[in-house]
Amino acid sequence: MIGIQKRLSNMFYIILGLPSTAMGFALSIQIAVLSWILRTRYHLEIDQIGIVWAAGPIAGILGQPIIGLISDKAWFWGGRRRPFIIIGGILAALMIFALPNIDRISNFFGIASVMAVAVAVALTLDLSINISFNPTRSIIADVTPDGQPRTKGYTWMQSISNLFGSGAYLMGALIGNYFLIYAGVIIVLIFSIGPLLFIEEPRVLAANTPEPGVNPMKKNDAGQMVAAAPATQWVELFKLYFAHGFSWLGIQTMFVYMFAFLEQKLPGLTTLSVDDRNKRLGQMIGWSFFILNAVGAIWPAFLLEPMSKKLGRVKTHALMVGTMAVGYFGIVFFASSEILLYSMMCILTLGWAAVVSLPFAIMSEKVDKHRMGFFMGIFNLSVVLPQLVASSVIGTVIKHAGDKSMIFIISGTSLAISAALWLLVSDKQKS
């Protein structure tokens, strides 16, 4: 084990966050490019784009729990999480490369339906991200102790991930989405594989700190006293799952359908040529999500971590999610120009920074650490099931809605419900 890992230095936290950053970068490319390229290059309708997006969550429903369960028990290539991070990173890079080449792939294999190939690429991309996201988050719990060091691991992870995610959107806005795609292939490969050279996984995982009043020892089959794994708090987990699920229902609705809101509401687009309109639409999406991630990169390590020490992680998280709901309703009522849209996106950054960092720290201390990969996979259902609803049911609603502000009314309502539900979750670590 190298010194920076023993000391849990800031440099180690940066390195530890890079594999998750790779998957976050891949996800940023998917968010920035997938709907745009399906609409402008392959001319799919809103509900068809929703179907393509639905392929990923379907993959995640099975992919993350299975990979998590396997990674808890497996050990090869020098780790339990390492092999799946490497495999997922390589597959994700290949599928990103495939995005602008869907028509060529279709022609090469003699497949008449471009949509069928798009679904296959989206499915494999999202499955690849899911394969890696679980281990990249589980490895943080594996190599950090309970409490504030664990919270620091996840908040630093998200600050770094948001920083590079914002870079992805900036590339798309300034240079173009096609440059973003090909640069992303290289970044995802390097950040997935390189950091693993500096992280040593423990062969035997330490048990979580037991809850007050719980005997931390038990007898094994030979009658010896050994450390007892803490019982999983299923009631608390389900509270957490529902609260987190409503967050992602609103967030995914924005990710998938924001282009429809911009097409209808932002002035000037209808007067442009088709090519200029498509380019401008891609730029506005890029700038919006750049702001979401660039400003959001500030909050996890520099606001959420110190705030969680004073208020507790759950109250801090509920407060941030509530501000995100306010931001969504602000878009409905005030986003009549690009400047006002970007101003509202700044408000969303607080909730976005919290949603992708604090729930992992909260959840990780409610489960048996020896089964962290499995429970991370189950936790992912509170992300992919709402994504599936957003990509299918909500897509139909939005297609038939005359006013595309419905996109952000749904998002704001979902985040408001989520904030209320988070207040029902207990917080073991309040300081």
Protein backbone atom coordinates (compact mmCIF):
# COMPACT_ATOMS: atom_id res chain seq x y z
CA MET A 1 0.00 0.00 0.00
CA ILE A 2 1.50 3.34 -1.03
CA GLY A 3 1.93 6.12 1.50
CA ILE A 4 -0.81 8.42 0.21
CA GLN A 5 -3.35 5.64 0.68
CA LYS A 6 -2.15 4.89 4.21
CA ARG A 7 -2.39 8.57 5.14
CA LEU A 8 -5.68 9.09 3.25
CA SER A 9 -4.10 12.19 1.77
CA ASN A 10 -5.94 14.61 -0.47
CA MET A 11 -4.00 13.26 -3.45
CA PHE A 12 -5.29 9.79 -2.70
CA TYR A 13 -8.87 11.06 -2.55
CA ILE A 14 -8.34 12.65 -5.97
CA ILE A 15 -6.98 9.42 -7.44
CA LEU A 16 -9.75 7.44 -5.76
CA GLY A 17 -12.37 9.62 -7.43
CA LEU A 18 -11.01 9.28 -10.99
CA PRO A 19 -12.58 5.91 -11.94
CA SER A 20 -16.01 7.23 -10.99
CA THR A 21 -15.11 10.43 -12.87
CA ALA A 22 -14.49 8.33 -15.99
CA MET A 23 -17.97 6.89 -15.78
CA GLY A 24 -19.41 10.31 -14.99
CA PHE A 25 -17.66 11.68 -18.07
CA ALA A 26 -19.17 8.89 -20.17
CA LEU A 27 -22.58 9.69 -18.71
CA SER A 28 -22.08 13.40 -19.45
CA ILE A 29 -21.39 12.56 -23.08
CA GLN A 30 -24.51 10.41 -23.17
CA ILE A 31 -26.60 13.22 -21.67
CA ALA A 32 -25.15 15.92 -23.93
CA VAL A 33 -25.12 13.96 -27.16
CA LEU A 34 -27.62 11.09 -27.24
CA SER A 35 -30.93 12.98 -27.55
CA TRP A 36 -29.28 15.63 -29.74
CA ILE A 37 -27.75 13.17 -32.19
CA LEU A 38 -30.87 11.00 -32.38
CA ARG A 39 -32.96 14.09 -33.13
CA THR A 40 -30.69 15.98 -35.51
CA ARG A 41 -28.82 13.21 -37.33
CA TYR A 42 -31.21 10.26 -37.25
CA HIS A 43 -34.48 12.26 -37.06
CA LEU A 44 -36.21 10.25 -34.32
CA GLU A 45 -39.39 11.53 -32.64
CA ILE A 46 -39.65 12.47 -28.94
CA ASP A 47 -41.26 9.17 -27.91
CA GLN A 48 -38.73 7.18 -29.96
CA ILE A 49 -35.87 8.98 -28.23
CA GLY A 50 -37.51 8.09 -24.91
CA ILE A 51 -37.52 4.42 -25.94
CA VAL A 52 -33.81 4.55 -26.75
CA TRP A 53 -33.11 6.10 -23.34
CA ALA A 54 -35.23 3.41 -21.69
CA ALA A 55 -32.82 0.72 -22.91
CA GLY A 56 -30.15 1.83 -20.44
CA PRO A 57 -32.24 1.66 -17.25
CA ILE A 58 -33.50 -1.78 -18.27
CA ALA A 59 -29.87 -2.90 -18.45
CA GLY A 60 -29.13 -1.30 -15.09
CA ILE A 61 -31.99 -3.10 -13.32
CA LEU A 62 -30.15 -6.39 -13.72
CA GLY A 63 -26.61 -5.20 -14.39
CA GLN A 64 -25.72 -3.37 -11.19
CA PRO A 65 -27.07 -5.84 -8.59
CA ILE A 66 -25.52 -8.78 -10.44
CA ILE A 67 -22.15 -7.12 -10.94
CA GLY A 68 -22.22 -5.85 -7.35
CA LEU A 69 -22.95 -9.31 -5.98
CA ILE A 70 -20.21 -10.88 -8.09
CA SER A 71 -17.66 -8.21 -7.19
CA ASP A 72 -18.32 -8.75 -3.47
CA LYS A 73 -17.17 -12.37 -3.81
CA ALA A 74 -14.68 -12.27 -6.69
CA TRP A 75 -10.96 -11.63 -6.55
CA PHE A 76 -8.87 -11.53 -9.72
CA TRP A 77 -6.49 -9.11 -11.48
CA GLY A 78 -5.53 -7.91 -8.00
CA GLY A 79 -8.92 -6.81 -6.73
CA ARG A 80 -12.65 -7.36 -6.35
CA ARG A 81 -13.72 -4.06 -7.97
CA ARG A 82 -10.73 -3.53 -10.30
CA PRO A 83 -11.68 -6.08 -13.01
CA PHE A 84 -15.17 -4.68 -13.49
CA ILE A 85 -13.92 -1.09 -13.63
CA ILE A 86 -11.47 -2.07 -16.40
CA ILE A 87 -14.02 -4.06 -18.41
CA GLY A 88 -16.72 -1.42 -18.05
CA GLY A 89 -14.33 1.39 -18.97
CA ILE A 90 -13.24 -0.31 -22.20
CA LEU A 91 -16.82 -1.11 -23.23
CA ALA A 92 -18.02 2.41 -22.43
CA ALA A 93 -15.26 3.93 -24.57
CA LEU A 94 -16.17 1.66 -27.51
CA MET A 95 -19.87 2.56 -27.30
CA ILE A 96 -19.12 6.29 -27.12
CA PHE A 97 -17.11 5.85 -30.31
CA ALA A 98 -20.14 4.10 -31.83
CA LEU A 99 -22.59 6.98 -31.19
CA PRO A 100 -21.82 9.02 -34.33
CA ASN A 101 -21.42 5.86 -36.36
CA ILE A 102 -24.80 4.23 -35.74
CA ASP A 103 -25.76 4.54 -39.41
CA ARG A 104 -22.45 2.97 -40.52
CA ILE A 105 -22.91 0.12 -38.05
CA SER A 106 -26.43 -0.38 -39.37
CA ASN A 107 -25.21 -0.52 -42.96
CA PHE A 108 -22.27 -2.80 -42.12
CA PHE A 109 -24.49 -5.40 -40.51
CA GLY A 110 -27.32 -4.94 -43.01
CA ILE A 111 -29.80 -3.77 -40.35
CA ALA A 112 -32.56 -1.65 -41.88
CA SER A 113 -33.68 -0.02 -38.63
CA VAL A 114 -31.37 2.72 -37.37
CA MET A 115 -33.46 2.84 -34.20
CA ALA A 116 -32.70 -0.83 -33.48
CA VAL A 117 -28.97 -0.13 -33.68
CA ALA A 118 -29.39 3.03 -31.58
CA VAL A 119 -31.14 0.99 -28.89
CA ALA A 120 -28.37 -1.61 -28.97
CA VAL A 121 -25.63 1.02 -28.67
CA ALA A 122 -27.48 2.88 -25.88
CA LEU A 123 -28.12 -0.40 -24.07
CA THR A 124 -24.47 -1.45 -24.22
CA LEU A 125 -23.24 2.03 -23.27
CA ASP A 126 -25.50 2.27 -20.25
CA LEU A 127 -24.76 -1.31 -19.22
CA SER A 128 -21.04 -0.54 -19.49
CA ILE A 129 -21.44 2.54 -17.31
CA ASN A 130 -23.49 0.50 -14.85
CA ILE A 131 -20.89 -2.25 -14.78
CA SER A 132 -18.27 0.26 -13.72
CA PHE A 133 -20.24 2.79 -11.68
CA ASN A 134 -21.07 0.26 -8.98
CA PRO A 135 -17.45 -0.86 -8.40
CA THR A 136 -16.10 2.71 -8.67
CA ARG A 137 -18.38 3.74 -5.81
CA SER A 138 -18.00 0.54 -3.81
CA ILE A 139 -14.20 0.79 -3.86
CA ILE A 140 -14.44 4.09 -1.98
CA ALA A 141 -16.32 2.37 0.85
CA ASP A 142 -13.80 -0.50 0.74
CA VAL A 143 -10.74 1.68 1.35
CA THR A 144 -12.09 4.41 3.67
CA PRO A 145 -13.23 4.12 7.30
CA ASP A 146 -16.75 4.96 8.46
CA GLY A 147 -17.83 8.51 9.24
CA GLN A 148 -16.32 11.71 7.91
CA PRO A 149 -13.49 10.05 5.91
CA ARG A 150 -16.16 8.11 3.99
CA THR A 151 -18.19 11.29 3.44
CA LYS A 152 -15.02 13.01 2.25
CA GLY A 153 -14.38 10.18 -0.19
CA TYR A 154 -17.77 10.57 -1.83
CA THR A 155 -17.87 14.36 -1.80
CA TRP A 156 -14.39 14.63 -3.32
CA MET A 157 -15.36 11.98 -5.84
CA GLN A 158 -18.27 14.10 -6.98
CA SER A 159 -16.36 17.39 -6.99
CA ILE A 160 -13.80 15.86 -9.34
CA SER A 161 -16.47 14.13 -11.41
CA ASN A 162 -18.51 17.33 -11.74
CA LEU A 163 -15.40 19.28 -12.71
CA PHE A 164 -14.62 16.95 -15.60
CA GLY A 165 -18.29 16.55 -16.44
CA SER A 166 -18.49 20.32 -16.85
CA GLY A 167 -15.47 20.07 -19.12
CA ALA A 168 -17.40 17.61 -21.27
CA TYR A 169 -20.29 20.03 -21.71
CA LEU A 170 -17.88 22.91 -22.34
CA MET A 171 -16.22 20.93 -25.12
CA GLY A 172 -19.62 20.30 -26.68
CA ALA A 173 -20.64 23.95 -26.44
CA LEU A 174 -17.37 25.52 -27.69
CA ILE A 175 -15.84 22.95 -30.02
CA GLY A 176 -18.72 20.66 -30.91
CA ASN A 177 -20.29 17.40 -29.85
CA TYR A 178 -18.28 15.31 -32.29
CA PHE A 179 -15.00 16.51 -30.76
CA LEU A 180 -16.47 15.75 -27.34
CA ILE A 181 -17.25 12.19 -28.39
CA TYR A 182 -13.78 11.34 -29.67
CA ALA A 183 -11.97 13.12 -26.80
CA GLY A 184 -14.25 11.26 -24.40
CA VAL A 185 -13.11 7.90 -25.70
CA ILE A 186 -9.53 8.67 -24.60
CA ILE A 187 -10.48 10.26 -21.26
CA VAL A 188 -12.75 7.39 -20.24
CA LEU A 189 -10.03 4.83 -20.99
CA ILE A 190 -7.26 6.69 -19.11
CA PHE A 191 -9.35 7.55 -16.03
CA SER A 192 -10.81 4.05 -15.78
CA ILE A 193 -7.54 2.14 -15.89
CA GLY A 194 -4.73 4.50 -14.81
CA PRO A 195 -5.78 5.23 -11.18
CA LEU A 196 -6.06 1.53 -10.39
CA LEU A 197 -2.25 1.36 -10.40
CA PHE A 198 -2.24 3.49 -7.22
CA ILE A 199 -5.15 1.96 -5.28
CA GLU A 200 -4.67 -1.22 -3.26
CA GLU A 201 -7.89 -3.05 -2.42
CA PRO A 202 -8.08 -4.89 0.91
CA ARG A 203 -8.47 -8.64 0.48
CA VAL A 204 -10.45 -8.74 3.76
CA LEU A 205 -12.96 -5.96 4.39
CA ALA A 206 -13.31 -4.40 7.85
CA ALA A 207 -16.81 -4.41 9.33
CA ASN A 208 -18.75 -1.16 9.66
CA THR A 209 -18.84 0.56 13.03
CA PRO A 210 -21.76 -1.12 14.87
CA GLU A 211 -24.85 0.81 15.90
CA PRO A 212 -24.97 1.87 19.58
CA GLY A 213 -26.14 -1.02 21.77
CA VAL A 214 -25.28 -3.69 19.20
CA ASN A 215 -22.76 -6.38 20.24
CA PRO A 216 -19.92 -6.12 17.69
CA MET A 217 -18.85 -9.76 18.26
CA LYS A 218 -20.46 -13.13 17.50
CA LYS A 219 -19.47 -16.80 17.54
CA ASN A 220 -18.54 -18.50 14.29
CA ASP A 221 -19.14 -22.20 13.53
CA ALA A 222 -16.00 -23.17 15.45
CA GLY A 223 -17.19 -21.34 18.57
CA GLN A 224 -14.68 -18.51 18.16
CA MET A 225 -15.65 -14.86 18.78
CA VAL A 226 -15.38 -12.83 15.56
CA ALA A 227 -16.54 -9.42 14.40
CA ALA A 228 -20.22 -9.41 13.54
CA ALA A 229 -21.39 -7.70 10.37
CA PRO A 230 -24.09 -5.14 11.23
CA ALA A 231 -27.65 -6.01 10.31
CA THR A 232 -28.91 -4.26 7.24
CA GLN A 233 -31.51 -1.64 8.08
CA TRP A 234 -34.12 -2.50 5.47
CA VAL A 235 -36.78 -0.05 6.64
CA GLU A 236 -34.31 2.81 6.49
CA LEU A 237 -33.04 1.63 3.12
CA PHE A 238 -36.52 1.64 1.60
CA LYS A 239 -37.10 5.16 2.92
CA LEU A 240 -33.84 6.17 1.28
CA TYR A 241 -34.69 4.37 -1.99
CA PHE A 242 -38.04 6.13 -2.38
CA ALA A 243 -36.57 9.53 -1.51
CA HIS A 244 -33.68 9.09 -3.95
CA GLY A 245 -36.00 7.67 -6.61
CA PHE A 246 -38.14 10.81 -6.76
CA SER A 247 -34.96 12.88 -7.15
CA TRP A 248 -33.95 10.90 -10.21
CA LEU A 249 -37.43 10.92 -11.72
CA GLY A 250 -37.21 14.70 -11.94
CA ILE A 251 -33.55 14.86 -12.95
CA GLN A 252 -33.86 12.27 -15.72
CA THR A 253 -36.94 14.04 -17.09
CA MET A 254 -34.76 17.13 -17.53
CA PHE A 255 -31.86 15.20 -19.08
CA VAL A 256 -33.95 13.41 -21.71
CA TYR A 257 -36.48 16.06 -22.71
CA MET A 258 -34.87 19.44 -22.12
CA PHE A 259 -34.27 19.79 -25.87
CA ALA A 260 -38.07 19.85 -26.44
CA PHE A 261 -38.44 22.74 -23.97
CA LEU A 262 -35.66 24.68 -25.67
CA GLU A 263 -37.10 24.06 -29.14
CA GLN A 264 -40.43 25.57 -28.08
CA LYS A 265 -39.56 28.23 -25.53
CA LEU A 266 -36.25 29.84 -26.44
CA PRO A 267 -36.67 32.69 -28.95
CA GLY A 268 -34.73 32.79 -32.20
CA LEU A 269 -34.38 29.08 -32.94
CA THR A 270 -37.32 28.91 -35.35
CA THR A 271 -35.82 31.61 -37.59
CA LEU A 272 -32.57 29.67 -38.16
CA SER A 273 -31.79 27.17 -40.89
CA VAL A 274 -32.05 23.51 -39.92
CA ASP A 275 -28.28 23.08 -39.59
CA ASP A 276 -27.82 26.30 -37.60
CA ARG A 277 -30.81 25.47 -35.39
CA ASN A 278 -29.44 22.01 -34.61
CA LYS A 279 -26.02 23.45 -33.83
CA ARG A 280 -27.50 26.16 -31.60
CA LEU A 281 -29.69 23.66 -29.80
CA GLY A 282 -26.66 21.49 -29.07
CA GLN A 283 -24.76 24.53 -27.76
CA MET A 284 -27.57 25.56 -25.39
CA ILE A 285 -27.80 22.05 -24.01
CA GLY A 286 -24.03 21.99 -23.63
CA TRP A 287 -23.90 25.34 -21.80
CA SER A 288 -26.81 24.37 -19.53
CA PHE A 289 -25.22 21.13 -18.40
CA PHE A 290 -21.78 22.76 -18.24
CA ILE A 291 -23.16 25.16 -15.65
CA LEU A 292 -24.87 22.30 -13.80
CA ASN A 293 -21.56 20.46 -13.42
CA ALA A 294 -19.04 23.32 -13.26
CA VAL A 295 -20.81 25.19 -10.47
CA GLY A 296 -21.89 21.86 -8.97
CA ALA A 297 -18.24 20.83 -8.71
CA ILE A 298 -17.70 23.50 -6.06
CA TRP A 299 -20.32 22.35 -3.60
CA PRO A 300 -19.57 18.72 -2.55
CA ALA A 301 -16.14 19.24 -0.97
CA PHE A 302 -16.42 22.92 -0.06
CA LEU A 303 -20.06 23.26 1.06
CA LEU A 304 -21.78 19.90 1.52
CA GLU A 305 -19.03 18.24 3.56
CA PRO A 306 -18.68 21.07 6.15
CA MET A 307 -22.45 21.63 6.21
CA SER A 308 -23.05 17.93 6.86
CA LYS A 309 -20.80 18.17 9.92
CA LYS A 310 -23.12 20.78 11.44
CA LEU A 311 -26.58 19.76 10.21
CA GLY A 312 -26.07 16.07 9.50
CA ARG A 313 -25.98 14.59 6.04
CA VAL A 314 -29.71 13.88 5.71
CA LYS A 315 -30.87 17.40 6.62
CA THR A 316 -28.19 18.90 4.39
CA HIS A 317 -29.29 16.68 1.52
CA ALA A 318 -33.00 17.42 1.97
CA LEU A 319 -32.27 21.16 1.96
CA MET A 320 -30.26 20.94 -1.27
CA VAL A 321 -32.90 18.80 -3.01
CA GLY A 322 -35.53 21.38 -1.98
CA THR A 323 -33.51 24.16 -3.63
CA MET A 324 -33.37 22.09 -6.82
CA ALA A 325 -37.18 21.93 -6.84
CA VAL A 326 -37.27 25.73 -6.56
CA GLY A 327 -34.87 25.97 -9.50
CA TYR A 328 -37.07 23.78 -11.69
CA PHE A 329 -40.15 25.89 -11.02
CA GLY A 330 -37.99 28.94 -11.67
CA ILE A 331 -37.31 27.63 -15.18
CA VAL A 332 -41.07 27.25 -15.76
CA PHE A 333 -41.86 30.85 -14.76
CA PHE A 334 -38.73 32.83 -15.62
CA ALA A 335 -36.58 31.07 -18.28
CA SER A 336 -37.68 33.18 -21.24
CA SER A 337 -34.12 33.84 -22.43
CA GLU A 338 -30.78 32.05 -22.41
CA ILE A 339 -29.41 34.23 -19.59
CA LEU A 340 -32.42 33.50 -17.36
CA LEU A 341 -32.23 29.80 -18.22
CA TYR A 342 -28.56 29.65 -17.21
CA SER A 343 -29.34 31.58 -14.00
CA MET A 344 -31.90 28.96 -13.02
CA MET A 345 -29.39 26.20 -13.85
CA CYS A 346 -27.10 27.73 -11.20
CA ILE A 347 -29.78 27.10 -8.58
CA LEU A 348 -30.09 23.49 -9.72
CA THR A 349 -26.38 22.90 -9.03
CA LEU A 350 -26.89 22.68 -5.26
CA GLY A 351 -29.31 19.79 -5.52
CA TRP A 352 -27.38 18.09 -8.31
CA ALA A 353 -24.15 18.16 -6.27
CA ALA A 354 -25.96 16.60 -3.30
CA VAL A 355 -27.88 13.92 -5.25
CA VAL A 356 -24.73 12.46 -6.78
CA SER A 357 -22.65 12.41 -3.58
CA LEU A 358 -24.34 12.38 -0.16
CA PRO A 359 -26.78 9.46 -0.65
CA PHE A 360 -23.86 7.06 -1.19
CA ALA A 361 -22.25 8.03 2.13
CA ILE A 362 -25.62 7.78 3.92
CA MET A 363 -26.48 4.41 2.37
CA SER A 364 -23.04 2.85 2.88
CA GLU A 365 -23.39 2.97 6.68
CA LYS A 366 -26.78 1.24 6.73
CA VAL A 367 -25.60 -2.03 5.17
CA ASP A 368 -23.13 -4.84 5.71
CA LYS A 369 -19.84 -3.65 4.22
CA HIS A 370 -19.02 -7.19 3.08
CA ARG A 371 -21.99 -6.95 0.69
CA MET A 372 -21.41 -3.35 -0.36
CA GLY A 373 -21.34 -4.12 -4.08
CA PHE A 374 -24.69 -5.91 -3.91
CA PHE A 375 -26.34 -3.11 -1.93
CA MET A 376 -24.87 -0.48 -4.25
CA GLY A 377 -26.54 -2.42 -7.05
CA ILE A 378 -29.87 -2.49 -5.23
CA PHE A 379 -29.45 1.20 -4.48
CA ASN A 380 -29.06 1.78 -8.21
CA LEU A 381 -32.64 0.60 -8.71
CA SER A 382 -33.73 3.87 -7.13
CA VAL A 383 -31.99 5.52 -10.08
CA VAL A 384 -32.80 3.26 -13.03
CA LEU A 385 -36.46 2.59 -12.27
CA PRO A 386 -37.28 6.32 -12.23
CA GLN A 387 -35.20 6.65 -15.41
CA LEU A 388 -37.34 3.97 -17.00
CA VAL A 389 -40.54 5.80 -16.02
CA ALA A 390 -39.12 9.09 -17.32
CA SER A 391 -38.05 7.51 -20.60
CA SER A 392 -41.35 5.75 -21.31
CA VAL A 393 -44.44 7.03 -19.47
CA ILE A 394 -43.35 10.64 -19.13
CA GLY A 395 -42.16 10.69 -22.74
CA THR A 396 -45.72 10.03 -23.92
CA VAL A 397 -47.10 12.72 -21.62
CA ILE A 398 -44.62 15.31 -22.87
CA LYS A 399 -45.16 14.41 -26.53
CA HIS A 400 -48.87 15.22 -26.23
CA ALA A 401 -48.42 18.27 -23.98
CA GLY A 402 -48.96 21.49 -25.90
CA ASP A 403 -46.80 23.43 -23.45
CA LYS A 404 -43.38 21.81 -22.97
CA SER A 405 -43.03 23.58 -19.62
CA MET A 406 -44.64 20.36 -18.40
CA ILE A 407 -41.10 18.94 -18.45
CA PHE A 408 -39.97 21.15 -15.59
CA ILE A 409 -43.30 21.07 -13.74
CA ILE A 410 -42.84 17.28 -13.49
CA SER A 411 -39.21 17.74 -12.47
CA GLY A 412 -39.96 20.35 -9.81
CA THR A 413 -42.80 18.32 -8.29
CA SER A 414 -40.65 15.19 -8.15
CA LEU A 415 -37.81 17.01 -6.38
CA ALA A 416 -40.19 18.61 -3.88
CA ILE A 417 -41.58 15.17 -2.98
CA SER A 418 -38.05 13.83 -2.70
CA ALA A 419 -37.00 16.58 -0.27
CA ALA A 420 -39.97 15.77 1.98
CA LEU A 421 -39.23 12.03 1.91
CA TRP A 422 -35.56 12.56 2.79
CA LEU A 423 -36.62 14.13 6.10
CA LEU A 424 -37.99 10.70 7.09
CA VAL A 425 -34.56 9.05 6.75
CA SER A 426 -32.47 8.67 9.90
CA ASP A 427 -28.87 9.85 9.96
CA LYS A 428 -26.41 7.69 11.88
CA GLN A 429 -23.49 10.06 11.38
CA LYS A 430 -24.34 13.63 12.38
CA SER A 431 -20.86 14.86 13.09
